[in-house]
């Protein structure tokens, strides 16, 4: 494989797509932190976490099921699955929008009624409907392994907000978080309209809806949806509980800033998992467990080794990294606490590859129920520690320690469920990881 082939590979394109989203997302968050109050920043962090959480319902029922079955089913069955998945997805988006709008208008329409959740309750109903065609397009492109197009759509989706934020930084007028939400929804809506016109969102397959496809997606998705909901809760329940606790939305902002660096570290993890998942599914279909294990070990081992120096840098230079995102004013008020949280989150990141890849392996083997059990064991550990930390000690640091515990538990439980096919070998995993590095280095030298 030459350099050109490496750059055009699915793994590289998936990596670049997630790299762009993560880095641009961090830049946008950094700019927003300088434009709005700490309280509004906390509300924005809640919006991101809560909207992603609800999106997991749709993804769980349709996303992984489509990717897995479209690699093996016939063309007609593929059209039926796409049409059925589209119907399920848009129905859920409309239902959630209706429920939240009803709650918002019937309870009250003032910001103080919902506190840290006001931004989410007001804007998510529109956001969920407007962005659905674009998100479904990305799902279908991933199933077809068209990571280059995914990269294009992600760039077009996020760049308008970034450009506006850069302009706003130098503008004398005061910015509000609501103006930014309008821009986000408008730019995503335009791109969704483009996907509909180009017939890439799957809406043209609605005529192929059938019960068999619904049953197939539901049987796989009922566990996968729970797994994705649990996985997302693991990442967002901390902020949900902080928002409900006496610490409030300011504490949400303090906690969310160091998390942005971990989200960037999740980028190569998500990329390699996304690229490896269809391949693992094919190997599982063929019952090639030797190849399956080698693929699993090479990808997860590669990231574990790569994360070690990154985590050390985050630990050593934690205060400097907090200043980069939030600025000197925020650091003077809350920087010491955020720096300590970043150190703890860096330890969490080191063990993420074992958790994420073992979960993807279980789904690829058509064992979503095992992955669901793994995730909810992790969620139970995290929730218990969070409740004790917030209402018992008012400690954000203790919450971060809980994140270390549940991530370790996820890796252990995940490989326990894989033990009937192969026994986990740390030595072999490291060996495969080093081998992957050698291949990469040889390509770069070439």
Protein backbone atom coordinates (compact mmCIF):
# COMPACT_ATOMS: atom_id res chain seq x y z
CA UNK A 1 0.00 0.00 0.00
CA UNK A 2 1.43 3.39 -1.05
CA UNK A 3 0.88 6.78 0.53
CA UNK A 4 -1.94 7.58 -1.92
CA UNK A 5 -3.71 4.34 -1.05
CA UNK A 6 -3.23 5.03 2.65
CA UNK A 7 -4.79 8.50 2.33
CA UNK A 8 -7.74 7.08 0.37
CA UNK A 9 -8.36 4.17 2.76
CA UNK A 10 -11.62 3.98 4.70
CA UNK A 11 -9.81 4.09 8.04
CA UNK A 12 -7.93 7.25 7.07
CA UNK A 13 -11.00 8.99 5.65
CA UNK A 14 -13.05 8.03 8.69
CA UNK A 15 -10.25 9.32 10.90
CA UNK A 16 -10.04 12.61 9.00
CA UNK A 17 -13.81 13.08 9.22
CA UNK A 18 -13.91 12.56 12.95
CA UNK A 19 -10.71 14.60 13.38
CA UNK A 20 -12.31 17.54 11.62
CA UNK A 21 -15.54 17.31 13.64
CA UNK A 22 -13.71 16.99 16.95
CA UNK A 23 -11.21 19.78 16.33
CA UNK A 24 -13.82 22.11 14.80
CA UNK A 25 -16.19 21.30 17.65
CA UNK A 26 -13.49 22.21 20.17
CA UNK A 27 -12.68 25.44 18.32
CA UNK A 28 -16.36 26.37 18.21
CA UNK A 29 -16.75 25.63 21.92
CA UNK A 30 -13.65 27.68 22.66
CA UNK A 31 -15.01 30.65 20.70
CA UNK A 32 -18.47 30.34 22.25
CA UNK A 33 -16.87 30.32 25.72
CA UNK A 34 -15.42 33.73 24.94
CA UNK A 35 -18.69 35.14 23.54
CA UNK A 36 -21.32 34.11 26.11
CA UNK A 37 -21.60 33.97 29.88
CA UNK A 38 -20.49 30.93 31.87
CA UNK A 39 -24.15 30.17 32.61
CA UNK A 40 -25.08 30.21 28.91
CA UNK A 41 -22.04 28.06 28.16
CA UNK A 42 -23.35 25.51 30.67
CA UNK A 43 -26.76 25.56 28.98
CA UNK A 44 -25.09 24.99 25.60
CA UNK A 45 -23.16 22.02 27.03
CA UNK A 46 -26.44 20.57 28.32
CA UNK A 47 -28.02 21.07 24.87
CA UNK A 48 -25.18 19.17 23.17
CA UNK A 49 -25.33 16.33 25.69
CA UNK A 50 -29.13 16.00 25.79
CA UNK A 51 -29.64 16.25 22.01
CA UNK A 52 -26.96 13.62 21.41
CA UNK A 53 -28.58 11.40 24.02
CA UNK A 54 -32.01 11.51 22.35
CA UNK A 55 -30.39 10.96 18.95
CA UNK A 56 -29.15 7.63 20.31
CA UNK A 57 -32.72 6.29 20.26
CA UNK A 58 -32.84 6.59 16.48
CA UNK A 59 -29.26 5.45 16.01
CA UNK A 60 -29.84 2.41 18.18
CA UNK A 61 -32.87 1.26 16.24
CA UNK A 62 -31.55 1.93 12.74
CA UNK A 63 -27.86 2.93 12.48
CA UNK A 64 -25.87 -0.16 13.44
CA UNK A 65 -28.59 -2.49 12.13
CA UNK A 66 -28.44 -0.89 8.69
CA UNK A 67 -24.65 -1.01 8.60
CA UNK A 68 -24.57 -4.65 9.63
CA UNK A 69 -27.35 -5.96 7.38
CA UNK A 70 -26.60 -3.88 4.29
CA UNK A 71 -23.20 -5.61 4.07
CA UNK A 72 -24.89 -9.00 3.62
CA UNK A 73 -28.44 -8.50 2.25
CA UNK A 74 -29.57 -8.34 -1.39
CA UNK A 75 -30.28 -5.09 -3.23
CA UNK A 76 -34.06 -5.34 -2.75
CA UNK A 77 -33.72 -6.19 0.92
CA UNK A 78 -31.35 -3.24 1.25
CA UNK A 79 -33.97 -0.87 -0.19
CA UNK A 80 -36.57 -2.28 2.18
CA UNK A 81 -34.27 -1.80 5.17
CA UNK A 82 -33.39 1.76 4.15
CA UNK A 83 -37.03 2.76 3.65
CA UNK A 84 -38.14 1.17 6.91
CA UNK A 85 -35.26 2.74 8.83
CA UNK A 86 -36.12 6.16 7.40
CA UNK A 87 -39.72 5.83 8.53
CA UNK A 88 -38.67 4.79 12.03
CA UNK A 89 -36.17 7.64 12.27
CA UNK A 90 -38.44 10.47 11.11
CA UNK A 91 -41.32 9.15 13.23
CA UNK A 92 -39.13 9.22 16.34
CA UNK A 93 -37.85 12.73 15.52
CA UNK A 94 -41.41 14.05 15.15
CA UNK A 95 -42.61 12.25 18.28
CA UNK A 96 -39.80 13.60 20.46
CA UNK A 97 -40.32 17.09 19.08
CA UNK A 98 -44.04 16.94 19.84
CA UNK A 99 -43.52 15.65 23.39
CA UNK A 100 -40.88 18.23 24.30
CA UNK A 101 -42.81 21.13 22.76
CA UNK A 102 -45.94 20.11 24.66
CA UNK A 103 -44.04 19.90 27.94
CA UNK A 104 -42.32 23.23 27.34
CA UNK A 105 -45.53 25.10 26.51
CA UNK A 106 -47.72 23.45 29.14
CA UNK A 107 -45.35 23.78 32.11
CA UNK A 108 -44.16 27.32 31.43
CA UNK A 109 -42.24 29.26 28.83
CA UNK A 110 -39.78 31.10 31.03
CA UNK A 111 -36.08 30.32 31.28
CA UNK A 112 -36.13 30.00 35.08
CA UNK A 113 -38.60 27.09 34.90
CA UNK A 114 -36.08 24.78 33.22
CA UNK A 115 -32.81 26.27 34.46
CA UNK A 116 -29.81 24.66 32.77
CA UNK A 117 -32.18 22.76 30.44
CA UNK A 118 -33.96 25.80 28.98
CA UNK A 119 -31.89 26.01 25.79
CA UNK A 120 -32.43 22.32 25.08
CA UNK A 121 -36.19 22.36 25.72
CA UNK A 122 -36.69 25.39 23.48
CA UNK A 123 -34.48 24.49 20.50
CA UNK A 124 -34.22 20.70 20.30
CA UNK A 125 -37.69 20.03 18.74
CA UNK A 126 -36.77 22.09 15.66
CA UNK A 127 -33.18 20.85 15.61
CA UNK A 128 -34.18 17.15 15.62
CA UNK A 129 -36.47 17.45 12.59
CA UNK A 130 -34.28 19.78 10.52
CA UNK A 131 -31.11 17.71 10.91
CA UNK A 132 -32.66 14.26 10.40
CA UNK A 133 -32.12 13.95 6.61
CA UNK A 134 -28.47 14.93 6.96
CA UNK A 135 -27.83 12.47 9.80
CA UNK A 136 -29.58 9.65 7.95
CA UNK A 137 -27.48 10.40 4.86
CA UNK A 138 -24.30 9.97 6.92
CA UNK A 139 -25.60 6.62 8.24
CA UNK A 140 -26.18 5.34 4.69
CA UNK A 141 -22.80 6.59 3.50
CA UNK A 142 -21.10 4.77 6.36
CA UNK A 143 -22.91 1.56 5.42
CA UNK A 144 -21.52 1.99 1.88
CA UNK A 145 -18.04 2.80 3.30
CA UNK A 146 -18.11 6.19 1.53
CA UNK A 147 -16.11 8.00 4.18
CA UNK A 148 -14.87 10.60 1.72
CA UNK A 149 -18.41 11.93 1.18
CA UNK A 150 -19.04 11.81 4.92
CA UNK A 151 -16.03 14.09 5.36
CA UNK A 152 -17.43 16.55 2.80
CA UNK A 153 -20.83 16.71 4.49
CA UNK A 154 -19.28 17.19 7.92
CA UNK A 155 -17.11 20.05 6.67
CA UNK A 156 -20.10 21.77 5.05
CA UNK A 157 -22.16 21.31 8.20
CA UNK A 158 -19.76 22.81 10.73
CA UNK A 159 -17.78 25.47 8.83
CA UNK A 160 -20.57 28.13 8.67
CA UNK A 161 -20.79 28.28 12.46
CA UNK A 162 -17.01 28.45 12.81
CA UNK A 163 -16.74 31.34 10.35
CA UNK A 164 -19.53 33.24 12.09
CA UNK A 165 -17.92 32.74 15.52
CA UNK A 166 -14.58 34.04 14.26
CA UNK A 167 -16.37 37.12 12.89
CA UNK A 168 -18.29 37.57 16.16
CA UNK A 169 -15.07 37.54 18.21
CA UNK A 170 -13.93 40.71 16.40
CA UNK A 171 -17.38 42.30 16.29
CA UNK A 172 -18.20 44.99 18.86
CA UNK A 173 -21.81 43.86 19.26
CA UNK A 174 -22.79 41.47 22.05
CA UNK A 175 -23.59 37.88 21.05
CA UNK A 176 -26.32 35.64 22.46
CA UNK A 177 -26.51 31.86 22.53
CA UNK A 178 -29.94 31.99 20.82
CA UNK A 179 -28.46 33.68 17.74
CA UNK A 180 -25.91 30.88 17.50
CA UNK A 181 -28.65 28.25 17.72
CA UNK A 182 -30.54 29.90 14.84
CA UNK A 183 -27.41 29.77 12.69
CA UNK A 184 -26.74 26.12 13.54
CA UNK A 185 -30.27 25.06 12.63
CA UNK A 186 -30.34 27.15 9.44
CA UNK A 187 -27.02 25.81 8.08
CA UNK A 188 -27.91 22.19 8.93
CA UNK A 189 -31.34 22.67 7.37
CA UNK A 190 -29.84 23.86 4.08
CA UNK A 191 -27.55 20.84 3.96
CA UNK A 192 -30.44 18.49 4.80
CA UNK A 193 -32.38 19.99 1.90
CA UNK A 194 -29.43 19.29 -0.40
CA UNK A 195 -29.37 15.61 0.65
CA UNK A 196 -33.09 15.33 -0.10
CA UNK A 197 -32.68 16.90 -3.54
CA UNK A 198 -29.75 14.58 -4.32
CA UNK A 199 -31.80 11.61 -3.01
CA UNK A 200 -29.07 10.53 -0.62
CA UNK A 201 -31.07 10.64 2.61
CA UNK A 202 -33.09 7.50 1.86
CA UNK A 203 -36.53 9.14 1.63
CA UNK A 204 -36.99 7.77 -1.90
CA UNK A 205 -36.93 4.24 -0.42
CA UNK A 206 -39.99 4.83 1.77
CA UNK A 207 -42.13 2.95 -0.78
CA UNK A 208 -40.21 -0.24 0.07
CA UNK A 209 -41.27 -0.32 3.75
CA UNK A 210 -42.29 -3.79 4.91
CA UNK A 211 -42.90 -5.67 8.15
CA UNK A 212 -39.99 -8.08 7.69
CA UNK A 213 -37.50 -5.23 7.58
CA UNK A 214 -39.10 -3.61 10.61
CA UNK A 215 -38.89 -6.87 12.58
CA UNK A 216 -35.27 -7.40 11.51
CA UNK A 217 -34.21 -3.90 12.54
CA UNK A 218 -36.22 -4.01 15.75
CA UNK A 219 -34.86 -7.38 16.89
CA UNK A 220 -31.31 -6.14 16.44
CA UNK A 221 -32.02 -2.56 17.43
CA UNK A 222 -33.95 -3.13 20.65
CA UNK A 223 -30.73 -4.17 22.38
CA UNK A 224 -28.51 -1.87 20.35
CA UNK A 225 -30.70 1.11 21.19
CA UNK A 226 -30.38 0.36 24.89
CA UNK A 227 -26.63 -0.04 24.41
CA UNK A 228 -26.26 3.32 22.64
CA UNK A 229 -28.50 5.05 25.16
CA UNK A 230 -26.45 3.58 27.98
CA UNK A 231 -23.19 4.48 26.25
CA UNK A 232 -24.31 8.05 25.72
CA UNK A 233 -25.58 8.30 29.27
CA UNK A 234 -22.12 7.28 30.42
CA UNK A 235 -20.74 10.34 28.63
CA UNK A 236 -23.54 12.76 29.49
CA UNK A 237 -25.13 11.70 32.78
CA UNK A 238 -22.42 13.56 34.66
CA UNK A 239 -23.58 16.86 33.13
CA UNK A 240 -27.26 15.93 33.44
CA UNK A 241 -26.86 15.32 37.17
CA UNK A 242 -24.70 18.42 37.70
CA UNK A 243 -27.43 20.47 35.99
CA UNK A 244 -30.01 19.03 38.40
CA UNK A 245 -27.78 19.39 41.45
CA UNK A 246 -27.34 22.52 43.59
CA UNK A 247 -24.06 23.22 41.74
CA UNK A 248 -26.02 24.36 38.63
CA UNK A 249 -25.09 25.34 35.07
CA UNK A 250 -21.82 27.07 36.03
CA UNK A 251 -20.50 23.74 37.32
CA UNK A 252 -21.63 22.15 34.04
CA UNK A 253 -19.35 24.59 32.18
CA UNK A 254 -16.43 23.86 34.53
CA UNK A 255 -16.87 20.12 34.01
CA UNK A 256 -17.47 20.27 30.25
CA UNK A 257 -14.34 22.26 29.33
CA UNK A 258 -11.76 19.51 30.14
CA UNK A 259 -14.11 16.96 28.57
CA UNK A 260 -13.56 18.64 25.19
CA UNK A 261 -10.03 17.23 25.07
CA UNK A 262 -11.32 13.74 25.76
CA UNK A 263 -13.85 14.17 22.96
CA UNK A 264 -10.94 14.92 20.63
CA UNK A 265 -9.22 11.74 21.84
CA UNK A 266 -12.42 9.83 21.15
CA UNK A 267 -12.14 10.96 17.54
CA UNK A 268 -9.53 8.41 16.38
CA UNK A 269 -11.30 5.83 18.53
CA UNK A 270 -14.65 6.41 16.83
CA UNK A 271 -12.92 6.49 13.44
CA UNK A 272 -11.21 3.15 13.81
CA UNK A 273 -14.32 1.56 15.34
CA UNK A 274 -16.49 2.89 12.46
CA UNK A 275 -14.05 1.56 9.85
CA UNK A 276 -13.47 -1.76 11.63
CA UNK A 277 -17.09 -2.55 12.47
CA UNK A 278 -18.26 -3.61 8.96
CA UNK A 279 -15.07 -5.67 8.56
CA UNK A 280 -15.59 -7.39 11.91
CA UNK A 281 -19.21 -8.10 10.95
CA UNK A 282 -18.06 -9.82 7.74
CA UNK A 283 -15.43 -11.86 9.60
CA UNK A 284 -18.01 -12.87 12.20
CA UNK A 285 -20.40 -13.90 9.40
CA UNK A 286 -17.66 -16.16 8.02
CA UNK A 287 -16.77 -17.36 11.56
CA UNK A 288 -13.16 -16.36 10.95
CA UNK A 289 -12.32 -15.81 14.62
CA UNK A 290 -8.57 -15.73 14.06
CA UNK A 291 -8.90 -12.82 11.64
CA UNK A 292 -11.54 -11.26 13.89
CA UNK A 293 -9.25 -11.29 16.91
CA UNK A 294 -6.29 -9.97 14.91
CA UNK A 295 -8.35 -7.05 13.61
CA UNK A 296 -9.70 -6.29 17.08
CA UNK A 297 -6.26 -6.45 18.73
CA UNK A 298 -4.44 -4.48 16.04
CA UNK A 299 -6.87 -1.54 16.14
CA UNK A 300 -7.37 -1.36 19.92
CA UNK A 301 -3.69 -2.04 20.64
CA UNK A 302 -2.63 0.67 18.20
CA UNK A 303 -4.78 3.27 19.97
CA UNK A 304 -3.76 2.21 23.48
CA UNK A 305 -0.09 2.71 22.61
CA UNK A 306 -0.82 5.99 20.82
CA UNK A 307 -2.81 7.34 23.77
CA UNK A 308 0.01 6.90 26.32
CA UNK A 309 2.13 9.94 25.30
CA UNK A 310 -1.00 12.03 24.64
CA UNK A 311 -2.34 11.36 28.14
CA UNK A 312 1.03 12.21 29.69
CA UNK A 313 1.08 15.56 27.87
CA UNK A 314 -2.46 16.36 29.04
CA UNK A 315 -1.52 15.54 32.63
CA UNK A 316 1.69 17.59 32.63
CA UNK A 317 0.27 20.64 30.82
CA UNK A 318 -3.31 20.52 32.15
CA UNK A 319 -3.52 24.21 33.25
CA UNK A 320 -2.22 25.42 29.89
CA UNK A 321 -4.79 23.33 27.99
CA UNK A 322 -7.65 24.73 30.10
CA UNK A 323 -6.52 28.30 29.33
CA UNK A 324 -6.52 27.51 25.61
CA UNK A 325 -10.23 26.67 25.59
CA UNK A 326 -11.69 28.98 28.22
CA UNK A 327 -9.29 31.92 28.37
CA UNK A 328 -7.55 33.63 31.28
CA UNK A 329 -10.70 35.04 32.87
CA UNK A 330 -12.28 31.63 33.24
CA UNK A 331 -9.01 30.10 34.43
CA UNK A 332 -8.58 32.67 37.18
CA UNK A 333 -12.02 31.81 38.54
CA UNK A 334 -12.28 28.05 37.90
CA UNK A 335 -9.04 26.89 36.27
CA UNK A 336 -7.54 24.87 39.13
CA UNK A 337 -10.61 22.65 39.41
CA UNK A 338 -10.89 22.19 35.63
CA UNK A 339 -7.17 21.30 35.47
CA UNK A 340 -7.59 18.58 38.07
CA UNK A 341 -10.56 17.21 36.15
CA UNK A 342 -8.50 17.11 32.94
CA UNK A 343 -5.80 15.04 34.70
CA UNK A 344 -8.42 12.51 35.81
CA UNK A 345 -10.07 12.43 32.37
CA UNK A 346 -6.69 11.73 30.75
CA UNK A 347 -6.50 8.52 32.80
CA UNK A 348 -10.01 7.62 31.62
CA UNK A 349 -8.97 8.11 27.97
CA UNK A 350 -6.10 5.66 28.29
CA UNK A 351 -8.50 2.76 28.87
CA UNK A 352 -11.23 3.77 26.39
CA UNK A 353 -9.99 1.55 23.50
CA UNK A 354 -10.59 -1.64 25.52
CA UNK A 355 -14.16 -0.63 26.31
CA UNK A 356 -15.17 0.69 22.87
CA UNK A 357 -13.65 -2.05 20.73
CA UNK A 358 -14.92 -4.90 22.90
CA UNK A 359 -18.42 -3.41 22.62
CA UNK A 360 -18.15 -3.06 18.83
CA UNK A 361 -16.91 -6.66 18.63
CA UNK A 362 -20.00 -7.90 20.49
CA UNK A 363 -22.31 -6.02 18.12
CA UNK A 364 -20.42 -7.31 15.07
CA UNK A 365 -20.90 -10.87 16.39
CA UNK A 366 -24.67 -10.15 16.61
CA UNK A 367 -24.57 -10.17 20.42
CA UNK A 368 -26.12 -6.77 21.15
CA UNK A 369 -27.67 -8.09 24.35
CA UNK A 370 -24.21 -8.77 25.82
CA UNK A 371 -23.06 -5.28 24.88
CA UNK A 372 -26.20 -3.88 26.52
CA UNK A 373 -25.41 -5.70 29.76
CA UNK A 374 -21.84 -4.39 29.68
CA UNK A 375 -22.94 -0.79 29.19
CA UNK A 376 -25.54 -0.87 31.94
CA UNK A 377 -23.07 -2.34 34.40
CA UNK A 378 -20.85 0.64 33.61
CA UNK A 379 -23.79 3.02 33.88
CA UNK A 380 -24.75 1.66 37.31
CA UNK A 381 -21.21 2.20 38.61
CA UNK A 382 -21.05 5.72 37.21
CA UNK A 383 -24.49 6.77 38.49
CA UNK A 384 -23.83 5.53 42.03
CA UNK A 385 -20.52 7.38 42.20
CA UNK A 386 -22.07 10.56 40.70
CA UNK A 387 -24.92 10.67 43.22
CA UNK A 388 -22.52 10.16 46.12
CA UNK A 389 -20.08 12.74 44.72
CA UNK A 390 -22.67 15.47 44.05
CA UNK A 391 -25.14 15.16 46.89
CA UNK A 392 -22.78 13.67 49.45
CA UNK A 393 -19.53 15.58 48.88
CA UNK A 394 -20.32 18.28 46.22
CA UNK A 395 -17.17 17.05 44.47
CA UNK A 396 -16.61 17.15 40.70
CA UNK A 397 -13.25 15.42 41.18
CA UNK A 398 -14.92 12.38 42.74
CA UNK A 399 -17.24 12.18 39.72
CA UNK A 400 -14.20 11.99 37.43
CA UNK A 401 -12.78 9.15 39.56
CA UNK A 402 -16.04 7.30 38.91
CA UNK A 403 -15.38 7.67 35.18
CA UNK A 404 -12.07 5.84 35.60
CA UNK A 405 -13.78 3.01 37.46
CA UNK A 406 -16.57 2.43 34.96
CA UNK A 407 -14.23 2.59 31.93
CA UNK A 408 -12.02 -0.12 33.44
CA UNK A 409 -15.12 -2.17 34.23
CA UNK A 410 -16.31 -1.85 30.62
CA UNK A 411 -13.13 -3.33 29.20
CA UNK A 412 -13.12 -6.21 31.70
CA UNK A 413 -16.78 -7.11 31.18
CA UNK A 414 -16.53 -6.74 27.38
CA UNK A 415 -13.68 -9.20 27.02
CA UNK A 416 -15.38 -11.54 29.49
CA UNK A 417 -18.31 -11.82 27.06
CA UNK A 418 -15.87 -12.51 24.19
CA UNK A 419 -14.09 -15.29 26.10
CA UNK A 420 -15.97 -18.13 24.36
CA UNK A 421 -14.27 -17.18 21.06
CA UNK A 422 -10.84 -16.18 22.34
CA UNK A 423 -9.15 -15.44 25.65
CA UNK A 424 -7.98 -11.88 26.18
CA UNK A 425 -4.21 -11.60 25.93
CA UNK A 426 -2.65 -8.21 26.85
CA UNK A 427 0.67 -9.37 25.44
CA UNK A 428 -0.83 -10.27 22.07
CA UNK A 429 -2.81 -7.03 21.95
CA UNK A 430 0.32 -4.95 22.53
CA UNK A 431 2.17 -7.03 19.92
CA UNK A 432 -0.52 -6.43 17.30
CA UNK A 433 -0.60 -2.73 18.20
CA UNK A 434 3.16 -2.40 17.71
CA UNK A 435 2.87 -4.27 14.42
CA UNK A 436 0.27 -1.73 13.25
CA UNK A 437 2.64 1.09 14.15
CA UNK A 438 5.45 -0.58 12.20
CA UNK A 439 3.23 -0.83 9.12
CA UNK A 440 2.26 2.83 9.43
CA UNK A 441 5.88 3.95 9.89
CA UNK A 442 7.03 1.93 6.90
CA UNK A 443 4.37 3.59 4.73
CA UNK A 444 5.39 7.04 5.94
CA UNK A 445 9.06 6.33 5.27
CA UNK A 446 8.13 5.01 1.83
